[in-house]
Protein backbone atom coordinates (compact mmCIF):
# COMPACT_ATOMS: atom_id res chain seq x y z
CA MET A 1 -39.12 67.53 188.18
CA LYS A 2 -38.92 69.56 184.95
CA LYS A 3 -36.54 72.54 184.93
CA PHE A 4 -36.52 75.55 182.64
CA SER A 5 -33.23 76.14 180.86
CA GLY A 6 -31.66 79.18 179.23
CA LYS A 7 -33.33 78.05 176.02
CA VAL A 8 -36.80 78.64 177.40
CA VAL A 9 -37.78 80.58 174.27
CA ALA A 10 -37.39 77.36 172.28
CA LEU A 11 -40.36 76.01 174.23
CA LEU A 12 -42.68 78.40 172.40
CA MET A 13 -45.83 76.73 171.15
CA ALA A 14 -47.94 79.73 170.10
CA ILE A 15 -47.97 83.50 170.10
CA SER A 16 -50.96 85.76 169.72
CA LEU A 17 -51.28 89.52 170.12
CA LEU A 18 -53.51 90.46 173.02
CA VAL A 19 -55.38 93.59 173.92
CA GLY A 20 -57.57 93.34 177.00
CA ALA A 21 -57.90 94.84 180.42
CA ALA A 22 -56.97 92.68 183.38
CA GLY A 23 -57.73 89.00 182.97
CA SER A 24 -59.47 89.35 179.61
CA TYR A 25 -57.41 88.05 176.74
CA ALA A 26 -58.00 89.59 173.36
CA VAL A 27 -56.39 87.99 170.32
CA PHE A 28 -55.58 90.67 167.79
CA GLY A 29 -56.43 88.50 164.80
CA PHE A 30 -55.72 90.90 161.98
CA VAL A 31 -52.02 91.10 162.89
CA GLN A 32 -51.62 87.36 163.27
CA ASN A 33 -49.02 87.12 160.49
CA ARG A 34 -46.75 89.52 162.33
CA SER A 35 -47.27 87.46 165.47
CA GLN A 36 -46.29 84.24 163.72
CA GLU A 37 -43.15 85.86 162.37
CA SER A 38 -42.23 86.87 165.93
CA ALA A 39 -42.76 83.30 167.07
CA ALA A 40 -40.53 81.91 164.32
CA ALA A 41 -37.78 84.42 165.10
CA ALA A 42 -37.94 83.62 168.79
CA THR A 43 -37.90 79.87 168.18
CA ASN A 44 -34.86 80.07 165.92
CA GLY A 45 -32.94 82.26 168.34
CA THR A 46 -30.99 81.23 171.42
CA ILE A 47 -30.28 82.95 174.71
CA ALA A 48 -26.61 83.16 175.60
CA ALA A 49 -25.65 81.52 178.89
CA ASP A 50 -24.21 84.77 180.25
CA LYS A 51 -23.25 85.64 183.79
CA ALA A 52 -26.77 86.70 184.75
CA THR A 53 -28.21 83.39 183.58
CA ALA A 54 -25.53 81.49 185.43
CA LYS A 55 -26.25 83.54 188.55
CA VAL A 56 -29.93 82.58 188.50
CA LYS A 57 -28.99 78.92 188.09
CA ALA A 58 -26.45 79.15 190.93
CA ILE A 59 -29.03 80.68 193.30
CA HIS A 60 -31.54 78.01 192.28
CA ASP A 61 -29.03 75.25 193.10
CA LEU A 62 -28.05 76.90 196.39
CA ILE A 63 -31.68 77.09 197.56
CA GLU A 64 -32.47 73.60 196.32
CA ASN A 65 -29.49 72.09 198.15
CA LYS A 66 -29.12 74.27 201.25
CA TYR A 67 -32.50 75.76 202.15
CA PHE A 68 -33.76 74.38 205.48
CA GLN A 69 -36.92 72.99 203.86
CA LYS A 70 -37.39 71.05 200.64
CA ILE A 71 -38.82 73.20 197.85
CA SER A 72 -39.96 72.38 194.34
CA SER A 73 -37.48 73.22 191.60
CA SER A 74 -40.31 74.29 189.28
CA ASP A 75 -41.68 76.61 191.99
CA LEU A 76 -38.27 78.29 192.19
CA TYR A 77 -38.14 78.87 188.45
CA ASP A 78 -41.76 80.06 188.43
CA GLY A 79 -40.78 82.55 191.11
CA ALA A 80 -37.77 83.71 189.09
CA ILE A 81 -39.97 84.26 186.02
CA LYS A 82 -42.55 86.16 188.05
CA GLY A 83 -39.77 88.32 189.49
CA MET A 84 -38.61 89.31 186.00
CA ILE A 85 -42.18 90.18 184.99
CA GLU A 86 -42.71 92.20 188.18
CA ALA A 87 -39.51 94.15 187.43
CA LEU A 88 -41.28 95.59 184.38
CA ASN A 89 -43.77 97.39 186.69
CA ASP A 90 -46.42 96.75 184.03
CA PRO A 91 -49.86 95.61 185.26
CA PHE A 92 -50.64 94.06 181.87
CA SER A 93 -47.59 91.79 181.65
CA SER A 94 -47.80 88.56 183.61
CA TYR A 95 -46.75 84.94 183.93
CA MET A 96 -49.30 82.18 184.51
CA ASN A 97 -48.77 78.53 185.23
CA ALA A 98 -50.69 76.01 183.13
CA LYS A 99 -53.78 75.87 185.38
CA THR A 100 -54.11 79.64 185.70
CA ALA A 101 -53.68 80.14 181.96
CA SER A 102 -56.40 77.58 181.28
CA ASP A 103 -58.77 79.20 183.80
CA PHE A 104 -58.24 82.66 182.31
CA THR A 105 -58.96 81.69 178.71
CA GLN A 106 -62.33 80.24 179.75
CA SER A 107 -63.74 83.71 180.41
CA LEU A 108 -63.87 84.61 176.71
CA SER A 109 -64.47 81.25 175.06
CA SER A 110 -67.18 79.73 177.25
CA SER A 111 -69.21 80.39 180.35
CA PHE A 112 -67.32 80.28 183.63
CA GLN A 113 -68.13 80.36 187.31
CA GLY A 114 -67.21 83.36 189.41
CA ILE A 115 -68.42 86.89 190.20
CA GLY A 116 -67.87 88.47 186.77
CA ALA A 117 -65.43 91.31 187.50
CA GLU A 118 -62.38 92.22 185.45
CA VAL A 119 -59.40 93.20 187.62
CA GLN A 120 -55.85 94.45 187.18
CA MET A 121 -52.95 95.52 189.36
CA VAL A 122 -52.74 99.24 190.05
CA GLY A 123 -49.40 99.63 191.75
CA LYS A 124 -49.48 96.69 194.13
CA GLN A 125 -53.26 96.73 194.60
CA VAL A 126 -55.79 94.39 192.98
CA THR A 127 -58.26 96.79 191.41
CA VAL A 128 -61.58 96.41 189.59
CA VAL A 129 -61.55 97.52 185.96
CA SER A 130 -65.22 96.84 185.47
CA PRO A 131 -67.93 94.42 186.60
CA ILE A 132 -69.47 92.55 183.66
CA LYS A 133 -73.03 93.68 182.98
CA GLY A 134 -75.61 91.44 184.62
CA SER A 135 -72.98 89.67 186.71
CA PRO A 136 -73.06 89.06 190.49
CA ALA A 137 -70.32 91.70 190.83
CA GLU A 138 -72.47 94.34 189.14
CA ARG A 139 -75.59 93.37 191.10
CA ALA A 140 -73.64 93.56 194.35
CA GLY A 141 -72.44 97.08 193.54
CA LEU A 142 -68.74 96.73 192.65
CA LYS A 143 -67.49 99.73 190.67
CA PRO A 144 -64.50 100.55 188.43
CA LYS A 145 -61.42 101.57 190.47
CA ASP A 146 -62.58 99.67 193.58
CA ALA A 147 -59.45 98.31 195.28
CA ILE A 148 -59.84 94.76 196.62
CA VAL A 149 -57.98 94.79 199.94
CA LYS A 150 -59.37 91.58 201.43
CA ILE A 151 -60.64 88.27 200.08
CA ASN A 152 -62.55 86.15 202.60
CA GLY A 153 -61.09 88.17 205.46
CA LYS A 154 -57.45 87.84 204.34
CA SER A 155 -55.38 90.73 203.06
CA THR A 156 -54.51 90.81 199.37
CA ASP A 157 -51.07 92.28 200.16
CA GLY A 158 -48.42 90.24 198.36
CA LEU A 159 -50.87 88.54 195.97
CA ASP A 160 -50.28 88.85 192.26
CA ILE A 161 -53.22 89.29 189.90
CA ASN A 162 -53.50 85.58 189.09
CA GLN A 163 -53.44 84.50 192.74
CA ALA A 164 -56.14 87.05 193.56
CA VAL A 165 -58.37 85.95 190.67
CA ASN A 166 -58.05 82.30 191.67
CA LYS A 167 -59.20 83.18 195.20
CA ILE A 168 -62.14 85.25 193.96
CA ARG A 169 -63.39 82.67 191.47
CA GLY A 170 -65.17 79.55 192.65
CA LYS A 171 -68.14 77.24 192.28
CA LYS A 172 -71.60 78.57 191.52
CA GLY A 173 -73.64 79.18 194.66
CA THR A 174 -70.67 79.73 196.96
CA VAL A 175 -70.00 83.14 198.50
CA VAL A 176 -66.81 85.20 198.38
CA ARG A 177 -66.41 88.09 200.81
CA LEU A 178 -64.47 91.10 199.58
CA GLY A 179 -63.11 94.07 201.49
CA ILE A 180 -63.13 97.13 199.21
CA LYS A 181 -61.46 100.52 199.41
CA ARG A 182 -63.37 102.91 197.15
CA PRO A 183 -61.90 106.24 196.00
CA GLY A 184 -63.41 109.06 198.02
CA VAL A 185 -64.76 106.73 200.74
CA SER A 186 -62.80 106.53 203.99
CA ASP A 187 -64.39 103.35 205.36
CA GLU A 188 -63.58 99.89 204.04
CA LEU A 189 -66.67 98.48 202.32
CA ALA A 190 -67.76 94.86 202.79
CA PHE A 191 -69.30 92.81 199.96
CA ALA A 192 -70.64 89.27 200.16
CA ILE A 193 -71.06 88.09 196.56
CA LYS A 194 -72.61 84.77 195.56
CA ARG A 195 -70.73 83.23 192.65
CA ASP A 196 -72.68 82.25 189.57
CA THR A 197 -72.24 81.08 186.01
CA ILE A 198 -71.16 84.11 184.00
CA PRO A 199 -73.04 84.08 180.70
CA ILE A 200 -71.17 84.29 177.42
CA ARG A 201 -73.87 86.21 175.55
CA THR A 202 -72.23 89.56 174.94
CA VAL A 203 -74.73 91.56 172.85
CA GLU A 204 -78.11 92.89 173.94
CA SER A 205 -80.34 94.82 171.57
CA LYS A 206 -83.74 96.46 171.49
CA MET A 207 -85.72 99.16 169.73
CA LEU A 208 -86.40 102.37 171.62
CA LYS A 209 -89.56 104.23 170.67
CA ARG A 210 -89.28 107.99 171.22
CA ASP A 211 -91.63 110.61 169.81
CA GLY A 212 -92.64 108.34 166.97
CA GLN A 213 -89.02 107.53 166.09
CA SER A 214 -87.50 104.05 166.24
CA ILE A 215 -83.96 104.18 167.64
CA GLY A 216 -81.89 101.01 167.78
CA TYR A 217 -79.87 100.16 170.88
CA ILE A 218 -77.04 97.61 171.03
CA ALA A 219 -75.05 96.99 174.22
CA ILE A 220 -71.77 95.07 174.00
CA THR A 221 -70.75 93.70 177.40
CA GLN A 222 -67.39 92.29 176.26
CA PHE A 223 -65.77 91.09 173.05
CA ASN A 224 -65.58 87.30 172.88
CA GLU A 225 -65.27 84.88 169.99
CA ASN A 226 -68.98 85.17 169.10
CA THR A 227 -69.53 88.90 169.67
CA ASP A 228 -69.17 90.03 166.06
CA GLN A 229 -71.72 87.40 164.96
CA GLU A 230 -74.15 88.45 167.70
CA PHE A 231 -73.65 92.12 166.76
CA THR A 232 -74.16 91.48 163.05
CA LYS A 233 -77.39 89.62 163.75
CA ALA A 234 -78.67 92.34 166.10
CA LEU A 235 -77.77 95.14 163.67
CA SER A 236 -79.43 93.34 160.76
CA LYS A 237 -82.65 92.89 162.74
CA LEU A 238 -82.78 96.52 163.85
CA GLU A 239 -82.15 97.71 160.30
CA GLY A 240 -84.86 95.34 159.08
CA ASP A 241 -87.22 96.88 161.61
CA GLN A 242 -86.56 100.30 160.04
CA MET A 243 -84.59 101.94 162.84
CA LYS A 244 -83.79 105.61 162.23
CA GLY A 245 -80.69 105.84 164.42
CA LEU A 246 -78.38 103.62 166.51
CA ILE A 247 -76.91 103.81 170.01
CA ILE A 248 -73.91 101.54 170.74
CA ASP A 249 -73.28 101.00 174.45
CA VAL A 250 -69.82 99.84 175.61
CA ARG A 251 -70.17 101.10 179.18
CA GLY A 252 -68.66 98.63 181.62
CA ASN A 253 -67.07 96.68 178.75
CA PRO A 254 -63.54 95.63 179.82
CA GLY A 255 -62.35 94.46 176.38
CA GLY A 256 -61.84 91.13 174.69
CA TYR A 257 -61.08 89.61 171.32
CA LEU A 258 -59.98 92.19 168.77
CA GLN A 259 -61.18 90.14 165.81
CA ALA A 260 -64.63 91.18 167.01
CA VAL A 261 -63.68 94.88 167.01
CA GLU A 262 -62.26 94.60 163.52
CA LYS A 263 -65.41 92.93 162.16
CA ILE A 264 -67.75 95.33 163.94
CA GLY A 265 -65.64 98.20 162.61
CA ASN A 266 -66.14 96.85 159.10
CA LEU A 267 -69.89 97.36 159.59
CA LEU A 268 -69.75 100.90 161.00
CA VAL A 269 -66.45 102.70 160.31
CA PRO A 270 -65.63 103.96 156.81
CA SER A 271 -62.20 103.22 155.36
CA ASP A 272 -61.02 106.86 155.13
CA LYS A 273 -59.09 106.47 158.38
CA PRO A 274 -57.76 103.35 160.16
CA ILE A 275 -59.78 101.59 162.83
CA VAL A 276 -56.62 101.42 164.93
CA GLN A 277 -52.86 101.79 164.59
CA ILE A 278 -50.23 99.54 166.20
CA GLU A 279 -46.93 101.15 167.15
CA ASP A 280 -43.85 99.09 168.04
CA ARG A 281 -41.08 100.19 170.37
CA ALA A 282 -39.09 101.64 167.46
CA GLY A 283 -42.00 103.99 166.76
CA LYS A 284 -43.09 102.27 163.54
CA LYS A 285 -46.86 102.50 163.05
CA GLN A 286 -49.00 99.93 161.27
CA PRO A 287 -52.58 101.08 160.47
CA PHE A 288 -55.52 98.71 159.97
CA TYR A 289 -58.41 99.84 157.82
CA SER A 290 -62.08 98.93 157.55
CA THR A 291 -63.55 97.50 154.37
CA LEU A 292 -66.59 99.81 154.59
CA LYS A 293 -66.66 102.45 151.85
CA LYS A 294 -69.36 104.82 153.14
CA LYS A 295 -70.94 105.73 156.46
CA LYS A 296 -74.36 104.43 157.40
CA GLN A 297 -77.34 106.53 156.33
CA TYR A 298 -78.58 106.83 159.91
CA PRO A 299 -76.93 108.68 162.87
CA ILE A 300 -74.93 106.70 165.43
CA THR A 301 -73.93 107.62 168.99
CA ALA A 302 -71.80 105.59 171.42
CA LEU A 303 -71.93 105.38 175.22
CA ILE A 304 -68.71 105.07 177.30
CA ASP A 305 -67.77 105.21 180.97
CA GLY A 306 -64.90 104.48 183.34
CA GLY A 307 -65.40 100.75 182.87
CA SER A 308 -64.95 100.95 179.08
CA ALA A 309 -61.45 99.59 178.54
CA SER A 310 -59.10 98.31 175.88
CA ALA A 311 -61.04 96.78 172.98
CA SER A 312 -64.10 98.90 173.76
CA GLU A 313 -61.88 102.00 173.73
CA ILE A 314 -60.58 100.98 170.30
CA LEU A 315 -64.15 100.76 169.02
CA ALA A 316 -65.14 104.06 170.66
CA GLY A 317 -62.04 105.79 169.28
CA ALA A 318 -62.76 104.48 165.78
CA LEU A 319 -66.42 105.48 165.90
CA HIS A 320 -65.50 109.02 166.96
CA GLU A 321 -62.26 109.80 165.12
CA ALA A 322 -62.72 107.73 161.95
CA ALA A 323 -66.50 107.99 161.55
CA GLY A 324 -67.21 111.29 163.30
CA TYR A 325 -69.84 109.88 165.67
CA PRO A 326 -70.35 111.53 169.09
CA LEU A 327 -69.50 109.81 172.38
CA VAL A 328 -71.73 110.30 175.44
CA GLY A 329 -70.87 109.48 179.07
CA VAL A 330 -67.71 109.94 181.12
CA LYS A 331 -64.02 109.35 180.44
CA SER A 332 -63.06 105.76 179.63
CA PHE A 333 -60.57 103.58 181.50
CA GLY A 334 -57.37 104.29 179.51
CA LYS A 335 -55.64 101.07 178.42
CA GLY A 336 -53.56 101.62 175.30
CA THR A 337 -51.05 98.78 175.12
CA VAL A 338 -50.86 95.51 173.22
CA GLN A 339 -49.66 92.24 174.72
CA GLN A 340 -48.22 89.12 173.15
CA GLY A 341 -49.43 85.91 174.75
CA ILE A 342 -46.64 83.34 174.56
CA GLU A 343 -47.62 79.79 175.42
CA LEU A 344 -44.85 77.43 176.51
CA SER A 345 -44.74 73.70 175.89
CA ASP A 346 -45.89 72.97 179.45
CA LYS A 347 -49.00 75.14 178.78
CA SER A 348 -47.83 77.94 181.05
CA GLU A 349 -48.01 81.38 179.50
CA VAL A 350 -46.20 84.69 179.47
CA LYS A 351 -48.24 87.76 178.56
CA LEU A 352 -45.86 90.56 177.60
CA THR A 353 -46.57 94.14 176.57
CA THR A 354 -44.90 94.61 173.18
CA ASP A 355 -46.71 97.48 171.44
CA LYS A 356 -48.94 100.51 171.83
CA TRP A 357 -52.24 100.92 170.05
CA LEU A 358 -53.23 104.34 168.77
CA THR A 359 -56.56 105.80 167.74
CA PRO A 360 -57.25 106.64 164.07
CA ASP A 361 -55.74 110.12 164.65
CA ALA A 362 -52.65 108.55 166.30
CA ASN A 363 -53.63 109.48 169.87
CA TRP A 364 -52.29 107.25 172.66
CA ILE A 365 -54.99 107.10 175.32
CA HIS A 366 -53.02 105.00 177.84
CA LYS A 367 -53.73 106.15 181.42
CA LYS A 368 -55.67 109.08 179.93
CA GLY A 369 -58.80 107.44 178.60
CA ILE A 370 -61.07 108.69 175.85
CA LYS A 371 -63.04 111.81 176.73
CA PRO A 372 -66.67 111.89 175.64
CA THR A 373 -67.81 114.62 173.31
CA ILE A 374 -70.81 115.08 175.63
CA ASN A 375 -69.94 114.58 179.31
CA VAL A 376 -72.86 113.18 181.32
CA LYS A 377 -72.61 111.70 184.82
CA GLN A 378 -75.23 109.35 186.20
CA PRO A 379 -77.26 110.22 189.36
CA ASP A 380 -75.29 109.84 192.60
CA TYR A 381 -77.10 106.66 193.61
CA PHE A 382 -75.58 104.84 190.60
CA TYR A 383 -72.26 104.93 192.46
CA VAL A 384 -73.22 103.91 196.02
CA ALA A 385 -71.99 100.80 197.80
CA PRO A 386 -74.30 98.28 199.48
CA ILE A 387 -74.72 98.83 203.20
CA THR A 388 -73.43 95.93 205.27
CA LEU A 389 -73.77 96.57 209.01
CA LYS A 390 -72.07 94.62 211.75
CA LYS A 391 -74.39 92.44 213.79
CA GLY A 392 -76.64 94.60 215.97
CA LYS A 393 -75.31 97.84 214.43
CA THR A 394 -77.74 100.52 213.19
CA LEU A 395 -77.56 103.98 211.64
CA LYS A 396 -79.48 106.67 213.52
CA ALA A 397 -80.01 110.36 214.16
CA ASP A 398 -77.05 112.72 214.72
CA GLU A 399 -74.48 110.20 213.45
CA THR A 400 -72.12 111.02 210.57
CA SER A 401 -70.42 108.59 208.19
CA ALA A 402 -69.80 107.77 204.53
CA ILE A 403 -72.25 104.86 204.88
CA ILE A 404 -74.98 107.29 205.91
CA ALA A 405 -74.18 109.41 202.84
CA ASP A 406 -74.77 106.35 200.65
CA ALA A 407 -78.02 105.61 202.50
CA GLN A 408 -79.20 109.17 201.83
CA LYS A 409 -78.50 108.73 198.10
CA MET A 410 -80.41 105.44 198.18
CA LEU A 411 -83.36 107.20 199.80
CA LYS A 412 -83.39 109.66 196.90
CA ALA A 413 -83.36 106.71 194.46
CA ALA A 414 -86.38 105.30 196.31
CA GLY A 415 -88.26 108.61 196.00
CA HIS A 416 -87.74 109.83 199.56
CA ASN A 417 -85.48 112.89 199.57
CA PRO A 418 -83.69 113.36 202.93
CA GLY A 419 -82.71 116.91 201.98
CA ARG A 420 -78.97 116.24 202.21
CA VAL A 421 -76.45 113.59 201.12
CA ASP A 422 -73.39 114.66 203.12
CA GLY A 423 -73.48 111.79 205.63
CA TYR A 424 -75.08 113.62 208.58
CA TYR A 425 -78.17 111.75 209.85
CA SER A 426 -80.44 114.78 210.09
CA ALA A 427 -84.07 115.13 211.12
CA GLY A 428 -84.92 115.17 207.42
CA THR A 429 -83.11 111.85 207.02
CA VAL A 430 -85.11 110.38 209.90
CA GLN A 431 -88.37 111.43 208.25
CA ALA A 432 -87.27 110.06 204.87
CA VAL A 433 -86.31 106.72 206.45
CA LYS A 434 -89.68 106.51 208.26
CA ALA A 435 -91.55 107.19 205.02
CA PHE A 436 -89.50 104.56 203.19
CA GLN A 437 -90.09 102.01 205.95
CA GLN A 438 -93.83 102.64 205.79
CA ASP A 439 -93.78 102.09 202.00
CA LYS A 440 -91.99 98.77 202.48
CA LYS A 441 -94.17 97.74 205.44
CA LEU A 442 -91.21 97.75 207.82
CA PRO A 443 -91.28 99.04 211.41
CA SER A 444 -91.33 102.84 211.07
CA SER A 445 -88.51 103.66 213.47
CA GLY A 446 -86.49 106.14 211.41
CA VAL A 447 -83.43 104.00 212.21
CA ILE A 448 -81.62 102.00 209.54
CA ASN A 449 -80.96 98.39 210.50
CA GLN A 450 -79.77 95.69 208.12
CA LYS A 451 -83.29 94.85 206.96
CA THR A 452 -83.96 98.46 206.02
CA ALA A 453 -80.51 98.69 204.41
CA ASP A 454 -81.26 95.64 202.24
CA ALA A 455 -84.58 97.15 201.19
CA LEU A 456 -82.81 100.40 200.27
CA GLN A 457 -80.32 98.48 198.18
CA GLN A 458 -83.10 96.70 196.30
CA ALA A 459 -84.94 99.95 195.68
CA THR A 460 -81.71 101.49 194.36
CA LEU A 461 -81.10 98.61 191.95
CA THR A 462 -84.67 98.99 190.69
CA ALA A 463 -84.09 102.71 190.11
CA ILE A 464 -80.81 102.04 188.26
CA LYS A 465 -82.51 99.54 185.95
CA ASN A 466 -85.24 102.04 185.12
CA GLN A 467 -84.33 103.50 181.74
CA LYS A 468 -85.80 106.90 182.59
CA ASN A 469 -83.07 107.35 185.24
CA ASP A 470 -80.22 106.59 182.81
CA ARG A 471 -79.06 110.13 182.04
CA GLN A 472 -76.37 108.97 179.63
CA LEU A 473 -78.71 106.85 177.53
CA ASN A 474 -81.38 109.54 177.52
CA THR A 475 -78.81 112.10 176.37
CA ALA A 476 -77.72 109.77 173.55
CA VAL A 477 -81.35 109.45 172.47
CA LYS A 478 -81.67 113.25 172.35
CA VAL A 479 -78.49 113.47 170.23
CA ILE A 480 -79.97 111.00 167.76
CA GLU A 481 -83.31 112.83 167.72
CA LYS A 482 -81.55 116.14 167.03
CA ASP A 483 -79.71 114.60 164.08
CA LEU A 484 -82.98 113.26 162.68
CA LYS A 485 -84.66 116.68 162.64
């Protein structure tokens, strides 16, 4: 059984700088030289066998020899390493064994099977950063800041982020059941999400036709190793089709490879200010500049929300502060630190926060987020949770609950206004439910059972996908149109 010694740093195989929310790894390619220097320094150094090191070894030997059950030596050392990482109280620093490290890197380099939600630890709670666009998690209704309190009926208390992710991920077609605590909702929400293959295509583009104007739209769902190539191709096509303005959408984008941000920045951000600045713990700042000399001839606007994190915040910050482009939406997630990913010879990995990243104007947005220049919130039904009722349970007149409030918002999405959305099942709600049931050819009882709840959920998803209901996108279009006049 292999043991880790005091010279564990000598086991270093590779170091790369990382910036990514939760489980997304983002290799900060344009500071790779600095990373390699760190690796060389660490490899040449040694760790003194001081009293603390000896104490850890003594406790290991005591447990191995005296504990009432046999336990793996490597498990003990893994536990000791995890304990040191946990002592940092940093949700972005972590230790992963070889299997977990391998599973995590799949999410940005190839397709993988799971539900498609980025998560991180907030305090001791596994929390959603953002569901990936088009993923089972997004379709099911998971939202940023949802706390995952149960996985398949078992509490997540005591699980670290890697253990939780391993339980959530699984084979395509299988179902994982999550218990969710959502901010502002008293009841625990239940989600049954069918796992699927999460696609690696990260850029979607189209031309929007408004009042005779052609406005380009590019959505970036995350930053993986092919994103900059996909973006370059999409931008070239839109420019070739004579677009007059461009909307860049990083809503729900949890981050990813920073090489992609650098290369996309080279296409859009002029070199007057840095794309980003890296600050070490001594306060020394290192700026990184674009190669672009002049701004584009057409106006650009970016879309952000609470699921825009890390790499997408770097891009948004650069577009606004370095290029002067407006941001539309709501405040972003707020992840402003840089991690070094240190791979050991046994393929396990330590991810350690080593630096801050700053915006072009040297603002640190960590835990603050980036505020939009134009604040626009989506309709209430964009934020509702699916209704999952216990067997035989219904929602009916004169009852009050948070679930009923969500149902009322769904009714509005379906075009049947109940007159209130405060959770009281009023006479107006009964009439709205009856009208909805008639539209869907369901028994017109005015009572919500699971079949009616499922139909409401489907109607809500349809409304969300309808571009005319996307207030943030429509506002961005108006901003572009105003600039074109």
